[in-house]
Full PDB file with SEQRES, HELIX, SHEET, SSBOND, CRYST1, ORIGX, SCALE, CONECT and MASTER records, all heavy atoms in Angstrom:
SEQRES   1 A   29  ARG ASP ASP LEU ILE TYR ILE THR CYS ILE PRO TRP VAL          
SEQRES   2 A   29  SER PHE THR ASN LEU SER HIS THR ILE SER PHE ASN LYS          
SEQRES   3 A   29  GLU ASP SER                                                  
CRYST1    1.000    1.000    1.000  90.00  90.00  90.00 P 1           1          
ORIGX1      1.000000  0.000000  0.000000        0.00000                         
ORIGX2      0.000000  1.000000  0.000000        0.00000                         
ORIGX3      0.000000  0.000000  1.000000        0.00000                         
SCALE1      1.000000  0.000000  0.000000        0.00000                         
SCALE2      0.000000  1.000000  0.000000        0.00000                         
SCALE3      0.000000  0.000000  1.000000        0.00000                         
ATOM      1  N   ARG A   1       4.395  13.976 -57.383  1.00  0.00           N  
ATOM      2  CA  ARG A   1       4.482  15.389 -57.012  1.00  0.00           C  
ATOM      3  C   ARG A   1       5.195  15.563 -55.682  1.00  0.00           C  
ATOM      4  O   ARG A   1       4.950  14.827 -54.728  1.00  0.00           O  
ATOM      5  CB  ARG A   1       3.084  16.014 -56.901  1.00  0.00           C  
ATOM      6  CG  ARG A   1       2.318  16.100 -58.175  1.00  0.00           C  
ATOM      7  CD  ARG A   1       0.986  16.790 -57.970  1.00  0.00           C  
ATOM      8  NE  ARG A   1       1.129  18.186 -57.554  1.00  0.00           N  
ATOM      9  CZ  ARG A   1       0.082  18.999 -57.357  1.00  0.00           C  
ATOM     10  NH1 ARG A   1      -1.148  18.565 -57.524  1.00  0.00           N  
ATOM     11  NH2 ARG A   1       0.286  20.258 -56.984  1.00  0.00           N  
ATOM     12  N   ASP A   2       6.062  16.541 -55.604  1.00  0.00           N  
ATOM     13  CA  ASP A   2       6.637  16.927 -54.319  1.00  0.00           C  
ATOM     14  C   ASP A   2       6.515  18.433 -54.111  1.00  0.00           C  
ATOM     15  O   ASP A   2       7.132  18.989 -53.203  1.00  0.00           O  
ATOM     16  CB  ASP A   2       8.092  16.461 -54.182  1.00  0.00           C  
ATOM     17  CG  ASP A   2       8.996  16.963 -55.301  1.00  0.00           C  
ATOM     18  OD1 ASP A   2       8.568  17.853 -56.062  1.00  0.00           O  
ATOM     19  OD2 ASP A   2      10.136  16.469 -55.404  1.00  0.00           O  
ATOM     20  N   ASP A   3       5.696  19.092 -54.954  1.00  0.00           N  
ATOM     21  CA  ASP A   3       5.432  20.531 -54.788  1.00  0.00           C  
ATOM     22  C   ASP A   3       4.276  20.737 -53.814  1.00  0.00           C  
ATOM     23  O   ASP A   3       3.392  21.568 -54.037  1.00  0.00           O  
ATOM     24  CB  ASP A   3       5.116  21.172 -56.143  1.00  0.00           C  
ATOM     25  CG  ASP A   3       3.861  20.599 -56.779  1.00  0.00           C  
ATOM     26  OD1 ASP A   3       3.573  19.399 -56.571  1.00  0.00           O  
ATOM     27  OD2 ASP A   3       3.157  21.350 -57.495  1.00  0.00           O  
ATOM     28  N   LEU A   4       4.311  19.964 -52.720  1.00  0.00           N  
ATOM     29  CA  LEU A   4       3.182  19.935 -51.797  1.00  0.00           C  
ATOM     30  C   LEU A   4       3.617  20.278 -50.381  1.00  0.00           C  
ATOM     31  O   LEU A   4       4.797  20.229 -50.028  1.00  0.00           O  
ATOM     32  CB  LEU A   4       2.539  18.541 -51.790  1.00  0.00           C  
ATOM     33  CG  LEU A   4       1.982  18.025 -53.119  1.00  0.00           C  
ATOM     34  CD1 LEU A   4       1.564  16.572 -52.985  1.00  0.00           C  
ATOM     35  CD2 LEU A   4       0.806  18.886 -53.583  1.00  0.00           C  
ATOM     36  N   ILE A   5       2.631  20.620 -49.584  1.00  0.00           N  
ATOM     37  CA  ILE A   5       2.778  20.705 -48.140  1.00  0.00           C  
ATOM     38  C   ILE A   5       1.649  19.865 -47.561  1.00  0.00           C  
ATOM     39  O   ILE A   5       0.502  19.994 -47.984  1.00  0.00           O  
ATOM     40  CB  ILE A   5       2.699  22.173 -47.642  1.00  0.00           C  
ATOM     41  CG1 ILE A   5       2.736  22.250 -46.118  1.00  0.00           C  
ATOM     42  CG2 ILE A   5       1.475  22.884 -48.156  1.00  0.00           C  
ATOM     43  CD1 ILE A   5       4.085  22.039 -45.551  1.00  0.00           C  
ATOM     44  N   TYR A   6       1.974  18.955 -46.641  1.00  0.00           N  
ATOM     45  CA  TYR A   6       0.949  18.100 -46.038  1.00  0.00           C  
ATOM     46  C   TYR A   6       0.390  18.800 -44.795  1.00  0.00           C  
ATOM     47  O   TYR A   6       1.143  19.214 -43.914  1.00  0.00           O  
ATOM     48  CB  TYR A   6       1.534  16.748 -45.656  1.00  0.00           C  
ATOM     49  CG  TYR A   6       2.081  15.951 -46.816  1.00  0.00           C  
ATOM     50  CD1 TYR A   6       3.185  15.116 -46.644  1.00  0.00           C  
ATOM     51  CD2 TYR A   6       1.505  16.016 -48.079  1.00  0.00           C  
ATOM     52  CE1 TYR A   6       3.692  14.371 -47.703  1.00  0.00           C  
ATOM     53  CE2 TYR A   6       2.000  15.280 -49.144  1.00  0.00           C  
ATOM     54  CZ  TYR A   6       3.100  14.461 -48.949  1.00  0.00           C  
ATOM     55  OH  TYR A   6       3.612  13.733 -49.994  1.00  0.00           O  
ATOM     56  N   ILE A   7      -0.936  18.885 -44.743  1.00  0.00           N  
ATOM     57  CA  ILE A   7      -1.597  19.627 -43.665  1.00  0.00           C  
ATOM     58  C   ILE A   7      -2.665  18.761 -43.011  1.00  0.00           C  
ATOM     59  O   ILE A   7      -3.427  18.071 -43.695  1.00  0.00           O  
ATOM     60  CB  ILE A   7      -2.254  20.913 -44.212  1.00  0.00           C  
ATOM     61  CG1 ILE A   7      -1.180  21.871 -44.744  1.00  0.00           C  
ATOM     62  CG2 ILE A   7      -3.098  21.596 -43.144  1.00  0.00           C  
ATOM     63  CD1 ILE A   7      -1.735  23.129 -45.381  1.00  0.00           C  
ATOM     64  N   THR A   8      -2.714  18.817 -41.691  1.00  0.00           N  
ATOM     65  CA  THR A   8      -3.791  18.161 -40.970  1.00  0.00           C  
ATOM     66  C   THR A   8      -4.241  19.053 -39.820  1.00  0.00           C  
ATOM     67  O   THR A   8      -3.531  19.999 -39.423  1.00  0.00           O  
ATOM     68  CB  THR A   8      -3.363  16.783 -40.434  1.00  0.00           C  
ATOM     69  OG1 THR A   8      -4.522  16.079 -39.976  1.00  0.00           O  
ATOM     70  CG2 THR A   8      -2.374  16.908 -39.285  1.00  0.00           C  
ATOM     71  N   CYS A   9      -5.423  18.755 -39.299  1.00  0.00           N  
ATOM     72  CA  CYS A   9      -5.979  19.538 -38.185  1.00  0.00           C  
ATOM     73  C   CYS A   9      -6.593  18.580 -37.179  1.00  0.00           C  
ATOM     74  O   CYS A   9      -7.229  17.591 -37.549  1.00  0.00           O  
ATOM     75  CB  CYS A   9      -7.039  20.509 -38.726  1.00  0.00           C  
ATOM     76  SG  CYS A   9      -7.873  21.465 -37.445  1.00  0.00           S  
ATOM     77  N   ILE A  10      -6.360  18.874 -35.894  1.00  0.00           N  
ATOM     78  CA  ILE A  10      -6.944  18.077 -34.812  1.00  0.00           C  
ATOM     79  C   ILE A  10      -7.757  19.039 -33.940  1.00  0.00           C  
ATOM     80  O   ILE A  10      -7.293  19.496 -32.885  1.00  0.00           O  
ATOM     81  CB  ILE A  10      -5.845  17.369 -33.990  1.00  0.00           C  
ATOM     82  CG1 ILE A  10      -4.917  16.591 -34.934  1.00  0.00           C  
ATOM     83  CG2 ILE A  10      -6.455  16.419 -32.961  1.00  0.00           C  
ATOM     84  CD1 ILE A  10      -3.688  16.043 -34.273  1.00  0.00           C  
ATOM     85  N   PRO A  11      -8.965  19.413 -34.401  1.00  0.00           N  
ATOM     86  CA  PRO A  11      -9.717  20.484 -33.732  1.00  0.00           C  
ATOM     87  C   PRO A  11     -10.328  20.088 -32.400  1.00  0.00           C  
ATOM     88  O   PRO A  11     -10.990  20.908 -31.760  1.00  0.00           O  
ATOM     89  CB  PRO A  11     -10.808  20.805 -34.759  1.00  0.00           C  
ATOM     90  CG  PRO A  11     -11.042  19.521 -35.475  1.00  0.00           C  
ATOM     91  CD  PRO A  11      -9.681  18.870 -35.564  1.00  0.00           C  
ATOM     92  N   TRP A  12     -10.088  18.858 -31.965  1.00  0.00           N  
ATOM     93  CA  TRP A  12     -10.653  18.383 -30.701  1.00  0.00           C  
ATOM     94  C   TRP A  12      -9.673  18.522 -29.542  1.00  0.00           C  
ATOM     95  O   TRP A  12     -10.046  18.326 -28.391  1.00  0.00           O  
ATOM     96  CB  TRP A  12     -11.058  16.910 -30.850  1.00  0.00           C  
ATOM     97  CG  TRP A  12     -11.888  16.666 -32.062  1.00  0.00           C  
ATOM     98  CD1 TRP A  12     -13.251  16.859 -32.196  1.00  0.00           C  
ATOM     99  CD2 TRP A  12     -11.417  16.232 -33.348  1.00  0.00           C  
ATOM    100  NE1 TRP A  12     -13.640  16.554 -33.481  1.00  0.00           N  
ATOM    101  CE2 TRP A  12     -12.551  16.169 -34.217  1.00  0.00           C  
ATOM    102  CE3 TRP A  12     -10.170  15.889 -33.848  1.00  0.00           C  
ATOM    103  CZ2 TRP A  12     -12.452  15.771 -35.552  1.00  0.00           C  
ATOM    104  CZ3 TRP A  12     -10.068  15.491 -35.177  1.00  0.00           C  
ATOM    105  CH2 TRP A  12     -11.195  15.430 -36.012  1.00  0.00           C  
ATOM    106  N   VAL A  13      -8.397  18.844 -29.841  1.00  0.00           N  
ATOM    107  CA  VAL A  13      -7.356  18.843 -28.813  1.00  0.00           C  
ATOM    108  C   VAL A  13      -6.473  20.083 -28.952  1.00  0.00           C  
ATOM    109  O   VAL A  13      -5.986  20.388 -30.048  1.00  0.00           O  
ATOM    110  CB  VAL A  13      -6.463  17.585 -28.930  1.00  0.00           C  
ATOM    111  CG1 VAL A  13      -5.384  17.590 -27.845  1.00  0.00           C  
ATOM    112  CG2 VAL A  13      -7.287  16.317 -28.867  1.00  0.00           C  
ATOM    113  N   SER A  14      -6.239  20.781 -27.844  1.00  0.00           N  
ATOM    114  CA  SER A  14      -5.259  21.874 -27.824  1.00  0.00           C  
ATOM    115  C   SER A  14      -3.904  21.277 -27.441  1.00  0.00           C  
ATOM    116  O   SER A  14      -3.491  21.319 -26.287  1.00  0.00           O  
ATOM    117  CB  SER A  14      -5.677  22.959 -26.819  1.00  0.00           C  
ATOM    118  OG  SER A  14      -6.879  23.573 -27.222  1.00  0.00           O  
ATOM    119  N   PHE A  15      -3.240  20.696 -28.405  1.00  0.00           N  
ATOM    120  CA  PHE A  15      -2.016  19.948 -28.109  1.00  0.00           C  
ATOM    121  C   PHE A  15      -0.837  20.866 -27.790  1.00  0.00           C  
ATOM    122  O   PHE A  15      -0.814  22.042 -28.147  1.00  0.00           O  
ATOM    123  CB  PHE A  15      -1.669  18.990 -29.259  1.00  0.00           C  
ATOM    124  CG  PHE A  15      -1.424  19.660 -30.592  1.00  0.00           C  
ATOM    125  CD1 PHE A  15      -0.267  20.385 -30.840  1.00  0.00           C  
ATOM    126  CD2 PHE A  15      -2.355  19.540 -31.620  1.00  0.00           C  
ATOM    127  CE1 PHE A  15      -0.037  20.986 -32.063  1.00  0.00           C  
ATOM    128  CE2 PHE A  15      -2.133  20.130 -32.865  1.00  0.00           C  
ATOM    129  CZ  PHE A  15      -0.974  20.852 -33.087  1.00  0.00           C  
ATOM    130  N   THR A  16       0.137  20.285 -27.120  1.00  0.00           N  
ATOM    131  CA  THR A  16       1.399  20.989 -26.862  1.00  0.00           C  
ATOM    132  C   THR A  16       2.563  20.331 -27.586  1.00  0.00           C  
ATOM    133  O   THR A  16       3.657  20.880 -27.630  1.00  0.00           O  
ATOM    134  CB  THR A  16       1.715  21.023 -25.353  1.00  0.00           C  
ATOM    135  OG1 THR A  16       1.740  19.684 -24.851  1.00  0.00           O  
ATOM    136  CG2 THR A  16       0.660  21.830 -24.600  1.00  0.00           C  
ATOM    137  N   ASN A  17       2.325  19.155 -28.133  1.00  0.00           N  
ATOM    138  CA  ASN A  17       3.341  18.468 -28.932  1.00  0.00           C  
ATOM    139  C   ASN A  17       2.624  17.549 -29.916  1.00  0.00           C  
ATOM    140  O   ASN A  17       1.432  17.273 -29.760  1.00  0.00           O  
ATOM    141  CB  ASN A  17       4.294  17.668 -28.050  1.00  0.00           C  
ATOM    142  CG  ASN A  17       5.596  17.351 -28.770  1.00  0.00           C  
ATOM    143  OD1 ASN A  17       5.806  17.746 -29.909  1.00  0.00           O  
ATOM    144  ND2 ASN A  17       6.481  16.620 -28.102  1.00  0.00           N  
ATOM    145  N   LEU A  18       3.359  17.065 -30.911  1.00  0.00           N  
ATOM    146  CA  LEU A  18       2.738  16.285 -31.976  1.00  0.00           C  
ATOM    147  C   LEU A  18       3.808  15.464 -32.674  1.00  0.00           C  
ATOM    148  O   LEU A  18       4.986  15.852 -32.694  1.00  0.00           O  
ATOM    149  CB  LEU A  18       2.076  17.234 -32.991  1.00  0.00           C  
ATOM    150  CG  LEU A  18       1.275  16.603 -34.124  1.00  0.00           C  
ATOM    151  CD1 LEU A  18      -0.113  16.195 -33.618  1.00  0.00           C  
ATOM    152  CD2 LEU A  18       1.106  17.594 -35.275  1.00  0.00           C  
ATOM    153  N   SER A  19       3.419  14.329 -33.243  1.00  0.00           N  
ATOM    154  CA  SER A  19       4.314  13.588 -34.128  1.00  0.00           C  
ATOM    155  C   SER A  19       3.519  13.148 -35.347  1.00  0.00           C  
ATOM    156  O   SER A  19       2.299  13.001 -35.285  1.00  0.00           O  
ATOM    157  CB  SER A  19       4.922  12.369 -33.414  1.00  0.00           C  
ATOM    158  OG  SER A  19       3.910  11.439 -33.063  1.00  0.00           O  
ATOM    159  N   HIS A  20       4.213  12.977 -36.462  1.00  0.00           N  
ATOM    160  CA  HIS A  20       3.574  12.557 -37.705  1.00  0.00           C  
ATOM    161  C   HIS A  20       4.020  11.151 -38.062  1.00  0.00           C  
ATOM    162  O   HIS A  20       5.128  10.726 -37.730  1.00  0.00           O  
ATOM    163  CB  HIS A  20       3.976  13.496 -38.856  1.00  0.00           C  
ATOM    164  CG  HIS A  20       3.398  14.859 -38.748  1.00  0.00           C  
ATOM    165  ND1 HIS A  20       2.132  15.185 -39.170  1.00  0.00           N  
ATOM    166  CD2 HIS A  20       3.930  16.013 -38.258  1.00  0.00           C  
ATOM    167  CE1 HIS A  20       1.911  16.466 -38.970  1.00  0.00           C  
ATOM    168  NE2 HIS A  20       2.982  16.993 -38.408  1.00  0.00           N  
ATOM    169  N   THR A  21       3.156  10.433 -38.763  1.00  0.00           N  
ATOM    170  CA  THR A  21       3.596   9.179 -39.365  1.00  0.00           C  
ATOM    171  C   THR A  21       4.474   9.528 -40.559  1.00  0.00           C  
ATOM    172  O   THR A  21       4.176  10.460 -41.306  1.00  0.00           O  
ATOM    173  CB  THR A  21       2.394   8.346 -39.851  1.00  0.00           C  
ATOM    174  OG1 THR A  21       1.605   9.124 -40.763  1.00  0.00           O  
ATOM    175  CG2 THR A  21       1.532   7.910 -38.692  1.00  0.00           C  
ATOM    176  N   ILE A  22       5.561   8.787 -40.699  1.00  0.00           N  
ATOM    177  CA  ILE A  22       6.489   9.099 -41.784  1.00  0.00           C  
ATOM    178  C   ILE A  22       7.288   7.846 -42.121  1.00  0.00           C  
ATOM    179  O   ILE A  22       7.586   7.027 -41.251  1.00  0.00           O  
ATOM    180  CB  ILE A  22       7.438  10.253 -41.386  1.00  0.00           C  
ATOM    181  CG1 ILE A  22       8.183  10.797 -42.600  1.00  0.00           C  
ATOM    182  CG2 ILE A  22       8.382   9.835 -40.291  1.00  0.00           C  
ATOM    183  CD1 ILE A  22       8.872  12.125 -42.333  1.00  0.00           C  
ATOM    184  N   SER A  23       7.583   7.662 -43.391  1.00  0.00           N  
ATOM    185  CA  SER A  23       8.411   6.535 -43.810  1.00  0.00           C  
ATOM    186  C   SER A  23       9.877   6.969 -43.779  1.00  0.00           C  
ATOM    187  O   SER A  23      10.184   8.142 -43.967  1.00  0.00           O  
ATOM    188  CB  SER A  23       8.031   6.079 -45.227  1.00  0.00           C  
ATOM    189  OG  SER A  23       8.234   7.129 -46.160  1.00  0.00           O  
ATOM    190  N   PHE A  24      10.758   6.016 -43.568  1.00  0.00           N  
ATOM    191  CA  PHE A  24      12.176   6.344 -43.537  1.00  0.00           C  
ATOM    192  C   PHE A  24      12.719   6.378 -44.963  1.00  0.00           C  
ATOM    193  O   PHE A  24      13.569   5.582 -45.360  1.00  0.00           O  
ATOM    194  CB  PHE A  24      12.943   5.354 -42.661  1.00  0.00           C  
ATOM    195  CG  PHE A  24      12.729   5.583 -41.196  1.00  0.00           C  
ATOM    196  CD1 PHE A  24      11.815   4.827 -40.484  1.00  0.00           C  
ATOM    197  CD2 PHE A  24      13.421   6.587 -40.534  1.00  0.00           C  
ATOM    198  CE1 PHE A  24      11.601   5.054 -39.133  1.00  0.00           C  
ATOM    199  CE2 PHE A  24      13.216   6.827 -39.187  1.00  0.00           C  
ATOM    200  CZ  PHE A  24      12.295   6.060 -38.486  1.00  0.00           C  
ATOM    201  N   ASN A  25      12.206   7.301 -45.717  1.00  0.00           N  
ATOM    202  CA  ASN A  25      12.620   7.534 -47.094  1.00  0.00           C  
ATOM    203  C   ASN A  25      13.406   8.830 -47.104  1.00  0.00           C  
ATOM    204  O   ASN A  25      12.859   9.903 -46.870  1.00  0.00           O  
ATOM    205  CB  ASN A  25      11.386   7.637 -47.989  1.00  0.00           C  
ATOM    206  CG  ASN A  25      11.703   8.054 -49.407  1.00  0.00           C  
ATOM    207  OD1 ASN A  25      12.875   8.173 -49.786  1.00  0.00           O  
ATOM    208  ND2 ASN A  25      10.666   8.299 -50.198  1.00  0.00           N  
ATOM    209  N   LYS A  26      14.693   8.744 -47.376  1.00  0.00           N  
ATOM    210  CA  LYS A  26      15.545   9.921 -47.276  1.00  0.00           C  
ATOM    211  C   LYS A  26      15.228  10.987 -48.322  1.00  0.00           C  
ATOM    212  O   LYS A  26      15.721  12.111 -48.211  1.00  0.00           O  
ATOM    213  CB  LYS A  26      17.012   9.509 -47.352  1.00  0.00           C  
ATOM    214  CG  LYS A  26      17.472   8.719 -46.132  1.00  0.00           C  
ATOM    215  CD  LYS A  26      18.974   8.510 -46.117  1.00  0.00           C  
ATOM    216  CE  LYS A  26      19.405   7.778 -44.863  1.00  0.00           C  
ATOM    217  NZ  LYS A  26      20.870   7.634 -44.769  1.00  0.00           N  
ATOM    218  N   GLU A  27      14.430  10.636 -49.308  1.00  0.00           N  
ATOM    219  CA  GLU A  27      14.029  11.624 -50.303  1.00  0.00           C  
ATOM    220  C   GLU A  27      12.754  12.360 -49.896  1.00  0.00           C  
ATOM    221  O   GLU A  27      12.360  13.333 -50.546  1.00  0.00           O  
ATOM    222  CB  GLU A  27      13.829  10.961 -51.667  1.00  0.00           C  
ATOM    223  CG  GLU A  27      15.114  10.483 -52.302  1.00  0.00           C  
ATOM    224  CD  GLU A  27      14.897   9.897 -53.680  1.00  0.00           C  
ATOM    225  OE1 GLU A  27      13.938  10.301 -54.364  1.00  0.00           O  
ATOM    226  OE2 GLU A  27      15.674   9.024 -54.085  1.00  0.00           O  
ATOM    227  N   ASP A  28      12.104  11.887 -48.838  1.00  0.00           N  
ATOM    228  CA  ASP A  28      10.872  12.551 -48.390  1.00  0.00           C  
ATOM    229  C   ASP A  28      11.245  13.837 -47.670  1.00  0.00           C  
ATOM    230  O   ASP A  28      11.665  13.827 -46.525  1.00  0.00           O  
ATOM    231  CB  ASP A  28      10.098  11.623 -47.457  1.00  0.00           C  
ATOM    232  CG  ASP A  28       8.814  12.263 -46.943  1.00  0.00           C  
ATOM    233  OD1 ASP A  28       8.519  13.410 -47.333  1.00  0.00           O  
ATOM    234  OD2 ASP A  28       8.112  11.618 -46.144  1.00  0.00           O  
ATOM    235  N   SER A  29      11.085  14.940 -48.372  1.00  0.00           N  
ATOM    236  CA  SER A  29      11.447  16.238 -47.790  1.00  0.00           C  
ATOM    237  C   SER A  29      10.259  17.192 -47.797  1.00  0.00           C  
ATOM    238  O   SER A  29      10.430  18.412 -47.718  1.00  0.00           O  
ATOM    239  CB  SER A  29      12.618  16.848 -48.571  1.00  0.00           C  
ATOM    240  OG  SER A  29      12.417  16.742 -49.971  1.00  0.00           O  
TER     241      SER A  29                                                      
MASTER        0    0    0    0    0    0    0    6  240    1    0    3          
END                                                                             
C-alpha cells in the first residue's frame, strides 16, 4: 500500500525541528 500518510506524535517535547528515519528508496513518496 502507498495510499497512506505516516503519522507520529512526540507529546513530551515542544520541538522546533524534526527528522524522520527513511530508507534511500526513490519510490518512497
